[in-house]
């Protein structure tokens, strides 16, 4: 419960995030924190607006969330082994906004 956590996965990739979550759960690893957060601190219309005009395109709402999975430090090597057995690379994107995101 109070053990140190290490980020195993952090990227704008919901499908891989869901796959990794289920693989780690099936492997019996506990103490995993898997969540997501919005990358935009303010929406395009301002901080008080709930409607973002970028969401009304042909394909609907754009997924701008960053997905992450943290595992306990003592389970980190085992988690990497589980992913390697299934051919999945655990990516930790240090700049999920991209080069233009901070302009």
N, C-alpha and C. Protein backbone atom coordinates (compact mmCIF):
# COMPACT_ATOMS: atom_id res chain seq x y z
N UNK A 1 0.82 -1.19 0.00
CA UNK A 1 0.00 0.00 0.00
C UNK A 1 0.86 1.26 0.00
N UNK A 2 1.90 1.29 0.83
CA UNK A 2 2.75 2.47 0.90
C UNK A 2 4.11 2.22 0.26
N UNK A 3 4.14 1.41 -0.77
CA UNK A 3 5.41 1.13 -1.44
C UNK A 3 5.64 2.13 -2.57
N UNK A 4 6.89 2.28 -2.96
CA UNK A 4 7.25 3.19 -4.03
C UNK A 4 6.72 2.66 -5.36
N UNK A 5 6.22 3.56 -6.20
CA UNK A 5 5.69 3.18 -7.51
C UNK A 5 6.62 3.67 -8.61
N UNK A 6 6.70 2.88 -9.67
CA UNK A 6 7.49 3.23 -10.85
C UNK A 6 6.53 3.23 -12.05
N UNK A 7 6.67 4.24 -12.89
CA UNK A 7 5.81 4.33 -14.08
C UNK A 7 6.29 3.31 -15.11
N UNK A 8 5.39 2.41 -15.46
CA UNK A 8 5.66 1.37 -16.44
C UNK A 8 5.27 1.81 -17.84
N UNK A 9 4.16 2.56 -17.94
CA UNK A 9 3.62 2.97 -19.22
C UNK A 9 3.04 4.37 -19.08
N UNK A 10 3.33 5.24 -20.05
CA UNK A 10 2.75 6.59 -20.07
C UNK A 10 2.77 7.06 -21.51
N UNK A 11 1.58 7.16 -22.11
CA UNK A 11 1.50 7.52 -23.52
C UNK A 11 0.06 7.86 -23.88
N UNK A 12 -0.12 8.52 -25.00
CA UNK A 12 -1.46 8.79 -25.51
C UNK A 12 -1.91 7.60 -26.37
N UNK A 13 -2.19 6.48 -25.73
CA UNK A 13 -2.53 5.25 -26.44
C UNK A 13 -3.46 4.42 -25.56
N UNK A 14 -4.76 4.61 -25.74
CA UNK A 14 -5.75 3.95 -24.90
C UNK A 14 -5.78 2.43 -25.10
N UNK A 15 -5.64 1.97 -26.34
CA UNK A 15 -5.74 0.54 -26.63
C UNK A 15 -4.63 -0.25 -25.95
N UNK A 16 -3.39 0.24 -26.08
CA UNK A 16 -2.27 -0.45 -25.44
C UNK A 16 -2.40 -0.40 -23.92
N UNK A 17 -2.86 0.73 -23.40
CA UNK A 17 -3.08 0.89 -21.96
C UNK A 17 -4.05 -0.16 -21.43
N UNK A 18 -5.16 -0.36 -22.14
CA UNK A 18 -6.14 -1.35 -21.72
C UNK A 18 -5.57 -2.76 -21.80
N UNK A 19 -4.79 -3.04 -22.83
CA UNK A 19 -4.19 -4.36 -23.00
C UNK A 19 -3.20 -4.64 -21.86
N UNK A 20 -2.36 -3.66 -21.54
CA UNK A 20 -1.38 -3.84 -20.47
C UNK A 20 -2.08 -4.04 -19.13
N UNK A 21 -3.12 -3.26 -18.87
CA UNK A 21 -3.87 -3.42 -17.62
C UNK A 21 -4.40 -4.83 -17.47
N UNK A 22 -5.00 -5.37 -18.52
CA UNK A 22 -5.57 -6.71 -18.42
C UNK A 22 -4.49 -7.78 -18.29
N UNK A 23 -3.35 -7.62 -18.98
CA UNK A 23 -2.27 -8.59 -18.87
C UNK A 23 -1.68 -8.62 -17.46
N UNK A 24 -1.49 -7.46 -16.86
CA UNK A 24 -0.94 -7.40 -15.51
C UNK A 24 -1.93 -7.97 -14.49
N UNK A 25 -3.20 -7.74 -14.71
CA UNK A 25 -4.22 -8.28 -13.81
C UNK A 25 -4.25 -9.80 -13.92
N UNK A 26 -4.19 -10.31 -15.15
CA UNK A 26 -4.20 -11.77 -15.36
C UNK A 26 -2.95 -12.43 -14.77
N UNK A 27 -1.83 -11.69 -14.73
CA UNK A 27 -0.59 -12.23 -14.17
C UNK A 27 -0.59 -12.21 -12.65
N UNK A 28 -1.61 -11.60 -12.06
CA UNK A 28 -1.73 -11.60 -10.61
C UNK A 28 -0.98 -10.49 -9.90
N UNK A 29 -0.52 -9.50 -10.64
CA UNK A 29 0.18 -8.38 -10.01
C UNK A 29 -0.84 -7.46 -9.32
N UNK A 30 -0.52 -7.06 -8.11
CA UNK A 30 -1.43 -6.18 -7.36
C UNK A 30 -0.72 -4.86 -7.08
N UNK A 31 -1.48 -3.89 -6.59
CA UNK A 31 -0.92 -2.59 -6.26
C UNK A 31 -0.63 -1.75 -7.48
N UNK A 32 -1.35 -2.00 -8.56
CA UNK A 32 -1.15 -1.27 -9.80
C UNK A 32 -2.07 -0.05 -9.83
N UNK A 33 -1.53 1.08 -10.24
CA UNK A 33 -2.35 2.28 -10.42
C UNK A 33 -2.41 2.56 -11.90
N UNK A 34 -3.60 2.49 -12.47
CA UNK A 34 -3.81 2.75 -13.89
C UNK A 34 -4.88 3.83 -14.01
N UNK A 35 -4.51 4.92 -14.66
CA UNK A 35 -5.46 6.02 -14.78
C UNK A 35 -5.10 6.86 -16.01
N UNK A 36 -5.81 7.96 -16.18
CA UNK A 36 -5.53 8.86 -17.29
C UNK A 36 -5.87 10.28 -16.87
N UNK A 37 -5.32 11.25 -17.61
CA UNK A 37 -5.59 12.65 -17.34
C UNK A 37 -5.57 13.42 -18.65
N UNK A 38 -6.30 14.55 -18.70
CA UNK A 38 -6.30 15.33 -19.94
C UNK A 38 -4.98 16.06 -20.13
N UNK A 39 -4.53 16.12 -21.35
CA UNK A 39 -3.27 16.77 -21.67
C UNK A 39 -3.44 18.29 -21.74
N UNK A 40 -4.62 18.74 -22.11
CA UNK A 40 -4.88 20.17 -22.23
C UNK A 40 -5.24 20.76 -20.88
N UNK A 41 -4.50 21.76 -20.45
CA UNK A 41 -4.84 22.41 -19.20
C UNK A 41 -6.03 23.35 -19.38
N UNK A 42 -6.16 23.92 -20.56
CA UNK A 42 -7.30 24.77 -20.90
C UNK A 42 -7.87 24.29 -22.22
N UNK A 43 -9.18 24.34 -22.36
CA UNK A 43 -9.78 23.96 -23.63
C UNK A 43 -9.61 25.10 -24.63
N UNK A 44 -9.92 24.84 -25.87
CA UNK A 44 -9.72 25.82 -26.93
C UNK A 44 -10.58 27.07 -26.75
N UNK A 45 -11.70 26.95 -26.09
CA UNK A 45 -12.60 28.08 -25.91
C UNK A 45 -12.34 28.85 -24.62
N UNK A 46 -11.48 28.40 -23.78
CA UNK A 46 -11.22 29.04 -22.51
C UNK A 46 -11.46 28.08 -21.37
N UNK A 47 -11.07 28.50 -20.20
CA UNK A 47 -11.13 27.58 -19.07
C UNK A 47 -12.55 27.29 -18.59
N UNK A 48 -13.50 28.16 -18.84
CA UNK A 48 -14.86 27.93 -18.35
C UNK A 48 -15.76 27.22 -19.34
N UNK A 49 -15.31 27.02 -20.54
CA UNK A 49 -16.15 26.43 -21.57
C UNK A 49 -16.16 24.91 -21.48
N UNK A 50 -17.32 24.32 -21.65
CA UNK A 50 -17.43 22.85 -21.66
C UNK A 50 -17.49 22.31 -23.08
N UNK A 51 -17.72 23.18 -24.06
CA UNK A 51 -17.77 22.75 -25.45
C UNK A 51 -16.47 23.11 -26.14
N UNK A 52 -15.84 22.11 -26.70
CA UNK A 52 -14.59 22.32 -27.42
C UNK A 52 -14.88 22.13 -28.91
N UNK A 53 -14.69 23.15 -29.72
CA UNK A 53 -15.03 23.03 -31.16
C UNK A 53 -14.24 21.94 -31.88
N UNK A 54 -13.10 21.53 -31.32
CA UNK A 54 -12.31 20.47 -31.96
C UNK A 54 -12.99 19.11 -31.85
N UNK A 55 -14.01 18.98 -31.01
CA UNK A 55 -14.70 17.70 -30.83
C UNK A 55 -15.87 17.50 -31.78
N UNK A 56 -16.15 18.46 -32.63
CA UNK A 56 -17.31 18.36 -33.51
C UNK A 56 -16.93 18.10 -34.95
N UNK A 57 -15.86 17.37 -35.16
CA UNK A 57 -15.44 16.99 -36.50
C UNK A 57 -16.16 15.75 -36.98
N UNK A 58 -15.77 15.26 -38.10
CA UNK A 58 -16.39 14.10 -38.72
C UNK A 58 -16.26 12.85 -37.83
N UNK A 59 -15.12 12.68 -37.18
CA UNK A 59 -14.88 11.49 -36.37
C UNK A 59 -15.29 11.66 -34.91
N UNK A 60 -15.88 12.78 -34.54
CA UNK A 60 -16.35 12.97 -33.17
C UNK A 60 -15.24 13.46 -32.25
N UNK A 61 -15.39 13.17 -30.97
CA UNK A 61 -14.46 13.66 -29.96
C UNK A 61 -13.06 13.09 -30.16
N UNK A 62 -12.08 13.95 -30.03
CA UNK A 62 -10.68 13.55 -30.15
C UNK A 62 -10.19 13.16 -28.76
N UNK A 63 -9.55 12.02 -28.66
CA UNK A 63 -9.01 11.57 -27.37
C UNK A 63 -7.67 12.25 -27.14
N UNK A 64 -7.62 13.15 -26.17
CA UNK A 64 -6.40 13.89 -25.86
C UNK A 64 -5.80 13.47 -24.52
N UNK A 65 -6.29 12.40 -23.93
CA UNK A 65 -5.83 11.98 -22.61
C UNK A 65 -4.49 11.24 -22.69
N UNK A 66 -3.73 11.36 -21.61
CA UNK A 66 -2.49 10.61 -21.44
C UNK A 66 -2.80 9.48 -20.48
N UNK A 67 -2.48 8.27 -20.86
CA UNK A 67 -2.78 7.08 -20.07
C UNK A 67 -1.49 6.59 -19.41
N UNK A 68 -1.58 6.21 -18.13
CA UNK A 68 -0.38 5.75 -17.43
C UNK A 68 -0.69 4.57 -16.53
N UNK A 69 0.36 3.78 -16.29
CA UNK A 69 0.28 2.64 -15.38
C UNK A 69 1.52 2.69 -14.48
N UNK A 70 1.28 2.73 -13.19
CA UNK A 70 2.35 2.68 -12.19
C UNK A 70 2.28 1.34 -11.48
N UNK A 71 3.44 0.73 -11.28
CA UNK A 71 3.52 -0.55 -10.56
C UNK A 71 4.44 -0.38 -9.36
N UNK A 72 4.30 -1.29 -8.39
CA UNK A 72 5.20 -1.25 -7.23
C UNK A 72 6.61 -1.54 -7.68
N UNK A 73 7.56 -0.94 -6.99
CA UNK A 73 8.97 -1.08 -7.36
C UNK A 73 9.40 -2.55 -7.38
N UNK A 74 8.93 -3.33 -6.42
CA UNK A 74 9.32 -4.74 -6.36
C UNK A 74 8.66 -5.59 -7.46
N UNK A 75 7.60 -5.08 -8.10
CA UNK A 75 6.92 -5.81 -9.17
C UNK A 75 7.33 -5.34 -10.56
N UNK A 76 8.19 -4.34 -10.64
CA UNK A 76 8.52 -3.72 -11.93
C UNK A 76 9.14 -4.73 -12.90
N UNK A 77 10.13 -5.49 -12.45
CA UNK A 77 10.80 -6.45 -13.34
C UNK A 77 9.83 -7.52 -13.82
N UNK A 78 8.98 -8.00 -12.92
CA UNK A 78 7.99 -9.03 -13.30
C UNK A 78 6.99 -8.46 -14.31
N UNK A 79 6.59 -7.21 -14.14
CA UNK A 79 5.66 -6.58 -15.08
C UNK A 79 6.29 -6.46 -16.46
N UNK A 80 7.58 -6.08 -16.51
CA UNK A 80 8.28 -6.00 -17.81
C UNK A 80 8.36 -7.38 -18.47
N UNK A 81 8.57 -8.43 -17.67
CA UNK A 81 8.62 -9.79 -18.20
C UNK A 81 7.27 -10.20 -18.80
N UNK A 82 6.19 -9.87 -18.10
CA UNK A 82 4.85 -10.21 -18.58
C UNK A 82 4.59 -9.54 -19.92
N UNK A 83 4.97 -8.27 -20.04
CA UNK A 83 4.76 -7.56 -21.31
C UNK A 83 5.65 -8.13 -22.41
N UNK A 84 6.88 -8.47 -22.07
CA UNK A 84 7.79 -9.03 -23.08
C UNK A 84 7.30 -10.38 -23.59
N UNK A 85 6.67 -11.18 -22.72
CA UNK A 85 6.11 -12.47 -23.14
C UNK A 85 5.03 -12.30 -24.20
N UNK A 86 4.36 -11.16 -24.19
CA UNK A 86 3.29 -10.90 -25.15
C UNK A 86 3.71 -9.94 -26.26
N UNK A 87 4.99 -9.60 -26.30
CA UNK A 87 5.52 -8.76 -27.37
C UNK A 87 5.11 -7.30 -27.28
N UNK A 88 4.86 -6.83 -26.08
CA UNK A 88 4.45 -5.44 -25.88
C UNK A 88 5.60 -4.67 -25.24
N UNK A 89 5.90 -3.51 -25.79
CA UNK A 89 6.94 -2.67 -25.23
C UNK A 89 6.30 -1.61 -24.34
N UNK A 90 6.75 -1.54 -23.12
CA UNK A 90 6.25 -0.54 -22.19
C UNK A 90 6.94 0.78 -22.48
N UNK A 91 6.18 1.77 -22.93
CA UNK A 91 6.72 3.05 -23.33
C UNK A 91 6.38 4.10 -22.27
N UNK A 92 7.38 4.88 -21.88
CA UNK A 92 7.15 6.03 -21.01
C UNK A 92 7.53 7.25 -21.83
N UNK A 93 6.51 7.95 -22.32
CA UNK A 93 6.72 9.13 -23.15
C UNK A 93 7.01 10.31 -22.24
N UNK A 94 8.21 10.86 -22.33
CA UNK A 94 8.59 11.96 -21.45
C UNK A 94 7.94 13.28 -21.87
N UNK A 95 7.46 13.37 -23.11
CA UNK A 95 6.81 14.59 -23.60
C UNK A 95 5.54 14.23 -24.35
N UNK A 96 4.46 13.84 -23.63
CA UNK A 96 3.25 13.41 -24.32
C UNK A 96 2.54 14.52 -25.10
N UNK A 97 2.82 15.78 -24.78
CA UNK A 97 2.19 16.89 -25.52
C UNK A 97 2.81 17.07 -26.88
N UNK A 98 4.03 16.65 -27.06
CA UNK A 98 4.73 16.85 -28.32
C UNK A 98 5.46 18.19 -28.32
N UNK A 99 6.24 18.41 -29.35
CA UNK A 99 7.05 19.63 -29.43
C UNK A 99 6.20 20.88 -29.54
N UNK A 100 5.08 20.80 -30.23
CA UNK A 100 4.24 21.98 -30.43
C UNK A 100 3.25 22.21 -29.29
N UNK A 101 3.14 21.26 -28.38
CA UNK A 101 2.17 21.39 -27.30
C UNK A 101 2.47 22.47 -26.30
N UNK A 102 3.70 22.88 -26.18
CA UNK A 102 4.06 23.89 -25.18
C UNK A 102 4.18 25.29 -25.75
N UNK A 103 3.88 25.46 -27.03
CA UNK A 103 3.97 26.80 -27.64
C UNK A 103 2.81 27.67 -27.23
